Amino acid sequence: MRVLLVEDDSELAREVAAGLHGGGISVMHARTAREARRLMELESPDVIVLDVMLPGESGFVMCKAVRDQGVDTPILMLTARDAVDDRVTGLDAGADDYLTKPFALQELIARIHALSRRRRSLAPRSVQIADLEIDLGARRARRGGNIIELTAKEFALLECFALHPDVVLDRATITAHVWDDNHDPFTNVLEVLVRRLRRKIDDAYEPKLIHTMRGAGYRLGI
């Protein structure tokens, strides 16, 4: 799982990042809303942990702007003020949950996992692209009516593509979904897995659906 932590307190950010990493969660850190948006353009976090009090643009403003752009990534807001108005403002801006500082790291991890599970439960259970049918619940795939036999890793890769149809996914996003955070994204294992999946999904069919976007990543689509 990949979390975007938007927090200008460097010491707190280091503590939170270390704790989340210990819980098996990969962390991207931004100090400002501007930095956070730049990171979001490069990678797709599973959950955003967003501090309210940021230099420049506040967490409330960033949250509303992200939602106005159609981004549905779960957002958990952090506030140092235990005030009802702040909670209401955050939820009205589009936040999914909030946590008041100081907080227990275990509670933050539990809430992040809960938001991630909620998002997965709302994800489509089946996806169809051209004549490729992907049943995410049953973990089965067909193309042209033919059953495609896939290994667990091959299906995990196809699932990652299916959850982001026609979106260019970078190496970090794919490896975070298919492997755990200890996987080295700079090996050629991903390329090997893509070639294996492409042989099964594309080689005997038209149109080709798995596209390599040089210098950017991979895309599943027509």
C-alpha atoms as a PDB file:
ATOM      1  CA  MET A   1       0.000   0.000   0.000  1.00  0.00           C
ATOM      2  CA  ARG A   2       1.240   3.511  -0.832  1.00  0.00           C
ATOM      3  CA  VAL A   3       0.319   6.540   1.302  1.00  0.00           C
ATOM      4  CA  LEU A   4       0.876  10.214   0.496  1.00  0.00           C
ATOM      5  CA  LEU A   5       1.650  12.057   3.747  1.00  0.00           C
ATOM      6  CA  VAL A   6       1.186  15.842   3.486  1.00  0.00           C
ATOM      7  CA  GLU A   7       2.735  17.297   6.660  1.00  0.00           C
ATOM      8  CA  ASP A   8       4.997  20.320   7.111  1.00  0.00           C
ATOM      9  CA  ASP A   9       6.338  19.247  10.521  1.00  0.00           C
ATOM     10  CA  SER A  10       9.481  17.395   9.431  1.00  0.00           C
ATOM     11  CA  GLU A  11      10.040  15.628  12.760  1.00  0.00           C
ATOM     12  CA  LEU A  12       6.445  14.380  12.950  1.00  0.00           C
ATOM     13  CA  ALA A  13       6.582  13.343   9.288  1.00  0.00           C
ATOM     14  CA  ARG A  14       9.727  11.268   9.918  1.00  0.00           C
ATOM     15  CA  GLU A  15       8.124   9.565  12.917  1.00  0.00           C
ATOM     16  CA  VAL A  16       4.908   8.815  11.049  1.00  0.00           C
ATOM     17  CA  ALA A  17       6.741   7.599   7.934  1.00  0.00           C
ATOM     18  CA  ALA A  18       8.936   5.269  10.019  1.00  0.00           C
ATOM     19  CA  GLY A  19       5.895   3.898  11.845  1.00  0.00           C
ATOM     20  CA  LEU A  20       3.906   3.357   8.648  1.00  0.00           C
ATOM     21  CA  HIS A  21       6.860   1.683   6.970  1.00  0.00           C
ATOM     22  CA  GLY A  22       7.138  -0.633   9.953  1.00  0.00           C
ATOM     23  CA  GLY A  23       3.482  -1.496   9.368  1.00  0.00           C
ATOM     24  CA  GLY A  24       4.183  -2.482   5.744  1.00  0.00           C
ATOM     25  CA  ILE A  25       3.037   0.837   4.245  1.00  0.00           C
ATOM     26  CA  SER A  26       5.121   2.758   1.707  1.00  0.00           C
ATOM     27  CA  VAL A  27       5.141   6.543   2.248  1.00  0.00           C
ATOM     28  CA  MET A  28       5.564   9.518  -0.074  1.00  0.00           C
ATOM     29  CA  HIS A  29       6.059  12.796   1.835  1.00  0.00           C
ATOM     30  CA  ALA A  30       5.167  16.340   0.823  1.00  0.00           C
ATOM     31  CA  ARG A  31       5.504  19.476   2.974  1.00  0.00           C
ATOM     32  CA  THR A  32       3.018  21.598   1.027  1.00  0.00           C
ATOM     33  CA  ALA A  33      -0.110  21.156  -1.049  1.00  0.00           C
ATOM     34  CA  ARG A  34       1.868  22.143  -4.131  1.00  0.00           C
ATOM     35  CA  GLU A  35       4.447  19.396  -3.528  1.00  0.00           C
ATOM     36  CA  ALA A  36       1.616  16.926  -2.874  1.00  0.00           C
ATOM     37  CA  ARG A  37      -0.088  17.655  -6.178  1.00  0.00           C
ATOM     38  CA  ARG A  38       3.199  17.211  -8.026  1.00  0.00           C
ATOM     39  CA  LEU A  39       3.702  13.796  -6.406  1.00  0.00           C
ATOM     40  CA  MET A  40       0.120  12.823  -7.268  1.00  0.00           C
ATOM     41  CA  GLU A  41       0.853  13.555 -10.930  1.00  0.00           C
ATOM     42  CA  LEU A  42       3.786  11.120 -10.807  1.00  0.00           C
ATOM     43  CA  GLU A  43       2.284   8.335  -8.687  1.00  0.00           C
ATOM     44  CA  SER A  44      -1.145   7.176  -7.493  1.00  0.00           C
ATOM     45  CA  PRO A  45      -1.365   6.861  -3.694  1.00  0.00           C
ATOM     46  CA  ASP A  46      -3.879   4.478  -2.143  1.00  0.00           C
ATOM     47  CA  VAL A  47      -4.627   6.885   0.745  1.00  0.00           C
ATOM     48  CA  ILE A  48      -3.792  10.555   1.398  1.00  0.00           C
ATOM     49  CA  VAL A  49      -3.003  11.631   4.981  1.00  0.00           C
ATOM     50  CA  LEU A  50      -3.446  15.412   4.893  1.00  0.00           C
ATOM     51  CA  ASP A  51      -2.587  17.911   7.626  1.00  0.00           C
ATOM     52  CA  VAL A  52      -4.975  20.856   7.949  1.00  0.00           C
ATOM     53  CA  MET A  53      -2.355  23.457   8.896  1.00  0.00           C
ATOM     54  CA  LEU A  54       0.000  23.701   5.909  1.00  0.00           C
ATOM     55  CA  PRO A  55       2.129  26.641   4.743  1.00  0.00           C
ATOM     56  CA  GLY A  56       0.357  28.440   1.922  1.00  0.00           C
ATOM     57  CA  GLU A  57      -2.669  26.452   0.808  1.00  0.00           C
ATOM     58  CA  SER A  58      -4.454  24.776   3.729  1.00  0.00           C
ATOM     59  CA  GLY A  59      -5.399  21.118   3.870  1.00  0.00           C
ATOM     60  CA  PHE A  60      -9.074  22.102   3.564  1.00  0.00           C
ATOM     61  CA  VAL A  61      -8.417  23.972   0.299  1.00  0.00           C
ATOM     62  CA  MET A  62      -6.298  21.140  -1.123  1.00  0.00           C
ATOM     63  CA  CYS A  63      -8.897  18.542  -0.198  1.00  0.00           C
ATOM     64  CA  LYS A  64     -11.678  20.437  -1.959  1.00  0.00           C
ATOM     65  CA  ALA A  65      -9.485  21.061  -5.022  1.00  0.00           C
ATOM     66  CA  VAL A  66      -8.602  17.365  -5.279  1.00  0.00           C
ATOM     67  CA  ARG A  67     -12.264  16.371  -5.080  1.00  0.00           C
ATOM     68  CA  ASP A  68     -13.239  19.037  -7.633  1.00  0.00           C
ATOM     69  CA  GLN A  69     -10.760  17.388 -10.028  1.00  0.00           C
ATOM     70  CA  GLY A  70     -12.617  14.074  -9.660  1.00  0.00           C
ATOM     71  CA  VAL A  71      -9.909  12.317  -7.615  1.00  0.00           C
ATOM     72  CA  ASP A  72     -11.552   9.709  -5.361  1.00  0.00           C
ATOM     73  CA  THR A  73      -8.478   8.618  -3.375  1.00  0.00           C
ATOM     74  CA  PRO A  74      -9.452   8.298   0.328  1.00  0.00           C
ATOM     75  CA  ILE A  75      -8.343  11.321   2.380  1.00  0.00           C
ATOM     76  CA  LEU A  76      -7.700  11.261   6.131  1.00  0.00           C
ATOM     77  CA  MET A  77      -7.238  14.735   7.593  1.00  0.00           C
ATOM     78  CA  LEU A  78      -4.994  15.531  10.559  1.00  0.00           C
ATOM     79  CA  THR A  79      -5.835  18.489  12.780  1.00  0.00           C
ATOM     80  CA  ALA A  80      -4.223  19.827  15.937  1.00  0.00           C
ATOM     81  CA  ARG A  81      -7.508  21.384  16.993  1.00  0.00           C
ATOM     82  CA  ASP A  82     -10.196  19.221  18.550  1.00  0.00           C
ATOM     83  CA  ALA A  83     -13.020  21.411  17.263  1.00  0.00           C
ATOM     84  CA  VAL A  84     -16.296  20.275  15.731  1.00  0.00           C
ATOM     85  CA  ASP A  85     -16.120  23.044  13.117  1.00  0.00           C
ATOM     86  CA  ASP A  86     -12.793  21.720  11.800  1.00  0.00           C
ATOM     87  CA  ARG A  87     -14.167  18.205  11.468  1.00  0.00           C
ATOM     88  CA  VAL A  88     -17.262  19.453   9.648  1.00  0.00           C
ATOM     89  CA  THR A  89     -15.187  21.682   7.353  1.00  0.00           C
ATOM     90  CA  GLY A  90     -12.914  18.771   6.461  1.00  0.00           C
ATOM     91  CA  LEU A  91     -15.772  16.378   5.766  1.00  0.00           C
ATOM     92  CA  ASP A  92     -17.599  19.029   3.738  1.00  0.00           C
ATOM     93  CA  ALA A  93     -14.420  19.520   1.679  1.00  0.00           C
ATOM     94  CA  GLY A  94     -14.493  15.835   0.778  1.00  0.00           C
ATOM     95  CA  ALA A  95     -12.379  14.137   3.461  1.00  0.00           C
ATOM     96  CA  ASP A  96     -13.290  10.548   4.328  1.00  0.00           C
ATOM     97  CA  ASP A  97     -12.016  10.564   7.917  1.00  0.00           C
ATOM     98  CA  TYR A  98     -10.142  12.745  10.405  1.00  0.00           C
ATOM     99  CA  LEU A  99      -7.730  12.248  13.290  1.00  0.00           C
ATOM    100  CA  THR A 100      -6.886  14.795  15.975  1.00  0.00           C
ATOM    101  CA  LYS A 101      -3.261  15.407  17.021  1.00  0.00           C
ATOM    102  CA  PRO A 102      -1.689  13.993  19.079  1.00  0.00           C
ATOM    103  CA  PHE A 103      -2.696  10.524  17.909  1.00  0.00           C
ATOM    104  CA  ALA A 104      -1.554   6.961  18.456  1.00  0.00           C
ATOM    105  CA  LEU A 105       0.352   5.587  15.475  1.00  0.00           C
ATOM    106  CA  GLN A 106      -1.540   2.291  15.740  1.00  0.00           C
ATOM    107  CA  GLU A 107      -4.831   4.151  15.308  1.00  0.00           C
ATOM    108  CA  LEU A 108      -3.525   5.984  12.243  1.00  0.00           C
ATOM    109  CA  ILE A 109      -2.437   2.686  10.663  1.00  0.00           C
ATOM    110  CA  ALA A 110      -5.801   1.085  11.468  1.00  0.00           C
ATOM    111  CA  ARG A 111      -7.703   3.982   9.887  1.00  0.00           C
ATOM    112  CA  ILE A 112      -5.509   3.920   6.778  1.00  0.00           C
ATOM    113  CA  HIS A 113      -6.180   0.205   6.320  1.00  0.00           C
ATOM    114  CA  ALA A 114      -9.907   0.755   6.884  1.00  0.00           C
ATOM    115  CA  LEU A 115     -10.016   3.465   4.195  1.00  0.00           C
ATOM    116  CA  SER A 116      -8.084   1.243   1.791  1.00  0.00           C
ATOM    117  CA  ARG A 117     -10.454  -1.683   2.387  1.00  0.00           C
ATOM    118  CA  ARG A 118     -13.467   0.571   1.896  1.00  0.00           C
ATOM    119  CA  ARG A 119     -12.091   1.772  -1.425  1.00  0.00           C
ATOM    120  CA  ARG A 120     -11.450  -1.792  -2.617  1.00  0.00           C
ATOM    121  CA  SER A 121     -14.989  -2.809  -1.639  1.00  0.00           C
ATOM    122  CA  LEU A 122     -16.341  -0.003  -3.822  1.00  0.00           C
ATOM    123  CA  ALA A 123     -14.159  -0.952  -6.798  1.00  0.00           C
ATOM    124  CA  PRO A 124     -15.842  -2.588  -9.797  1.00  0.00           C
ATOM    125  CA  ARG A 125     -16.001  -6.385  -9.557  1.00  0.00           C
ATOM    126  CA  SER A 126     -15.657  -6.900 -13.293  1.00  0.00           C
ATOM    127  CA  VAL A 127     -14.029  -4.915 -16.066  1.00  0.00           C
ATOM    128  CA  GLN A 128     -14.348  -5.325 -19.844  1.00  0.00           C
ATOM    129  CA  ILE A 129     -11.975  -3.804 -22.379  1.00  0.00           C
ATOM    130  CA  ALA A 130     -12.672  -4.761 -26.003  1.00  0.00           C
ATOM    131  CA  ASP A 131     -13.176  -8.555 -25.836  1.00  0.00           C
ATOM    132  CA  LEU A 132     -11.128  -8.939 -22.631  1.00  0.00           C
ATOM    133  CA  GLU A 133     -13.312  -9.751 -19.618  1.00  0.00           C
ATOM    134  CA  ILE A 134     -11.757  -9.535 -16.144  1.00  0.00           C
ATOM    135  CA  ASP A 135     -13.714 -10.871 -13.164  1.00  0.00           C
ATOM    136  CA  LEU A 136     -11.928  -9.293 -10.195  1.00  0.00           C
ATOM    137  CA  GLY A 137     -14.036 -11.128  -7.623  1.00  0.00           C
ATOM    138  CA  ALA A 138     -13.507 -14.605  -9.050  1.00  0.00           C
ATOM    139  CA  ARG A 139      -9.983 -13.691 -10.246  1.00  0.00           C
ATOM    140  CA  ARG A 140     -10.646 -14.996 -13.754  1.00  0.00           C
ATOM    141  CA  ALA A 141      -9.980 -13.560 -17.192  1.00  0.00           C
ATOM    142  CA  ARG A 142     -11.342 -14.368 -20.657  1.00  0.00           C
ATOM    143  CA  ARG A 143     -10.496 -12.999 -24.058  1.00  0.00           C
ATOM    144  CA  GLY A 144     -12.597 -13.707 -27.106  1.00  0.00           C
ATOM    145  CA  GLY A 145     -14.583 -16.078 -24.915  1.00  0.00           C
ATOM    146  CA  ASN A 146     -11.466 -18.123 -24.107  1.00  0.00           C
ATOM    147  CA  ILE A 147     -10.341 -18.638 -20.503  1.00  0.00           C
ATOM    148  CA  ILE A 148      -6.866 -17.162 -19.890  1.00  0.00           C
ATOM    149  CA  GLU A 149      -4.839 -19.203 -17.409  1.00  0.00           C
ATOM    150  CA  LEU A 150      -2.874 -16.789 -15.213  1.00  0.00           C
ATOM    151  CA  THR A 151      -0.513 -17.196 -12.286  1.00  0.00           C
ATOM    152  CA  ALA A 152      -1.190 -15.228  -9.082  1.00  0.00           C
ATOM    153  CA  LYS A 153       1.370 -12.550 -10.021  1.00  0.00           C
ATOM    154  CA  GLU A 154       0.094 -12.308 -13.588  1.00  0.00           C
ATOM    155  CA  PHE A 155      -3.449 -11.769 -12.350  1.00  0.00           C
ATOM    156  CA  ALA A 156      -2.237  -9.218  -9.771  1.00  0.00           C
ATOM    157  CA  LEU A 157      -0.626  -7.269 -12.619  1.00  0.00           C
ATOM    158  CA  LEU A 158      -3.766  -7.534 -14.759  1.00  0.00           C
ATOM    159  CA  GLU A 159      -5.867  -6.464 -11.759  1.00  0.00           C
ATOM    160  CA  CYS A 160      -3.673  -3.377 -11.297  1.00  0.00           C
ATOM    161  CA  PHE A 161      -4.234  -2.449 -14.941  1.00  0.00           C
ATOM    162  CA  ALA A 162      -7.977  -3.216 -14.750  1.00  0.00           C
ATOM    163  CA  LEU A 163      -8.473  -0.951 -11.730  1.00  0.00           C
ATOM    164  CA  HIS A 164      -6.936   1.921 -13.755  1.00  0.00           C
ATOM    165  CA  PRO A 165      -8.182   1.388 -17.339  1.00  0.00           C
ATOM    166  CA  ASP A 166      -6.555   3.586 -19.981  1.00  0.00           C
ATOM    167  CA  VAL A 167      -4.293   5.191 -17.338  1.00  0.00           C
ATOM    168  CA  VAL A 168      -0.495   5.163 -17.679  1.00  0.00           C
ATOM    169  CA  LEU A 169       0.863   3.444 -14.566  1.00  0.00           C
ATOM    170  CA  ASP A 170       4.483   3.940 -13.541  1.00  0.00           C
ATOM    171  CA  ARG A 171       6.776   1.238 -12.194  1.00  0.00           C
ATOM    172  CA  ALA A 172       6.387   2.300  -8.557  1.00  0.00           C
ATOM    173  CA  THR A 173       2.585   2.142  -8.680  1.00  0.00           C
ATOM    174  CA  ILE A 174       2.583  -1.296 -10.319  1.00  0.00           C
ATOM    175  CA  THR A 175       5.219  -2.840  -8.059  1.00  0.00           C
ATOM    176  CA  ALA A 176       3.462  -1.529  -4.947  1.00  0.00           C
ATOM    177  CA  HIS A 177       0.313  -3.390  -6.067  1.00  0.00           C
ATOM    178  CA  VAL A 178       1.905  -6.617  -7.278  1.00  0.00           C
ATOM    179  CA  TRP A 179       4.739  -7.034  -4.772  1.00  0.00           C
ATOM    180  CA  ASP A 180       5.373  -5.940  -1.169  1.00  0.00           C
ATOM    181  CA  ASP A 181       7.361  -2.826  -0.303  1.00  0.00           C
ATOM    182  CA  ASN A 182      10.635  -4.776  -0.076  1.00  0.00           C
ATOM    183  CA  HIS A 183      10.613  -5.433  -3.829  1.00  0.00           C
ATOM    184  CA  ASP A 184      13.320  -3.590  -5.751  1.00  0.00           C
ATOM    185  CA  PRO A 185      11.518  -1.641  -8.516  1.00  0.00           C
ATOM    186  CA  PHE A 186      14.757  -1.253 -10.491  1.00  0.00           C
ATOM    187  CA  THR A 187      15.129  -4.939 -11.365  1.00  0.00           C
ATOM    188  CA  ASN A 188      13.745  -6.299 -14.658  1.00  0.00           C
ATOM    189  CA  VAL A 189      11.206  -8.568 -12.929  1.00  0.00           C
ATOM    190  CA  LEU A 190       8.349  -6.245 -13.911  1.00  0.00           C
ATOM    191  CA  GLU A 191       9.338  -6.313 -17.581  1.00  0.00           C
ATOM    192  CA  VAL A 192       9.456 -10.116 -17.491  1.00  0.00           C
ATOM    193  CA  LEU A 193       5.998 -10.267 -15.898  1.00  0.00           C
ATOM    194  CA  VAL A 194       4.563  -7.818 -18.449  1.00  0.00           C
ATOM    195  CA  ARG A 195       5.968  -9.938 -21.308  1.00  0.00           C
ATOM    196  CA  ARG A 196       4.377 -13.076 -19.831  1.00  0.00           C
ATOM    197  CA  LEU A 197       1.007 -11.370 -19.430  1.00  0.00           C
ATOM    198  CA  ARG A 198       1.212  -9.869 -22.909  1.00  0.00           C
ATOM    199  CA  ARG A 199       1.826 -13.307 -24.447  1.00  0.00           C
ATOM    200  CA  LYS A 200      -1.352 -14.622 -22.851  1.00  0.00           C
ATOM    201  CA  ILE A 201      -3.560 -11.552 -23.295  1.00  0.00           C
ATOM    202  CA  ASP A 202      -2.387 -10.059 -26.585  1.00  0.00           C
ATOM    203  CA  ASP A 203      -0.318 -12.385 -28.785  1.00  0.00           C
ATOM    204  CA  ALA A 204      -3.244 -14.313 -30.315  1.00  0.00           C
ATOM    205  CA  TYR A 205      -5.714 -11.406 -30.336  1.00  0.00           C
ATOM    206  CA  GLU A 206      -6.479  -8.018 -31.861  1.00  0.00           C
ATOM    207  CA  PRO A 207      -6.465  -5.229 -30.911  1.00  0.00           C
ATOM    208  CA  LYS A 208      -3.415  -5.226 -28.668  1.00  0.00           C
ATOM    209  CA  LEU A 209      -4.376  -3.991 -25.201  1.00  0.00           C
ATOM    210  CA  ILE A 210      -1.145  -3.790 -23.161  1.00  0.00           C
ATOM    211  CA  HIS A 211       0.880  -0.773 -24.258  1.00  0.00           C
ATOM    212  CA  THR A 212       4.396   0.256 -23.214  1.00  0.00           C
ATOM    213  CA  MET A 213       4.670   4.022 -22.768  1.00  0.00           C
ATOM    214  CA  ARG A 214       8.415   4.629 -23.043  1.00  0.00           C
ATOM    215  CA  GLY A 215       9.820   6.485 -20.051  1.00  0.00           C
ATOM    216  CA  ALA A 216       6.416   6.529 -18.336  1.00  0.00           C
ATOM    217  CA  GLY A 217       5.118   3.007 -17.695  1.00  0.00           C
ATOM    218  CA  TYR A 218       2.342   0.800 -19.036  1.00  0.00           C
ATOM    219  CA  ARG A 219      -1.323   1.236 -20.039  1.00  0.00           C
ATOM    220  CA  LEU A 220      -4.195  -1.222 -20.530  1.00  0.00           C
ATOM    221  CA  GLY A 221      -6.651  -0.057 -23.166  1.00  0.00           C
ATOM    222  CA  ILE A 222      -7.502   0.018 -26.850  1.00  0.00           C
END
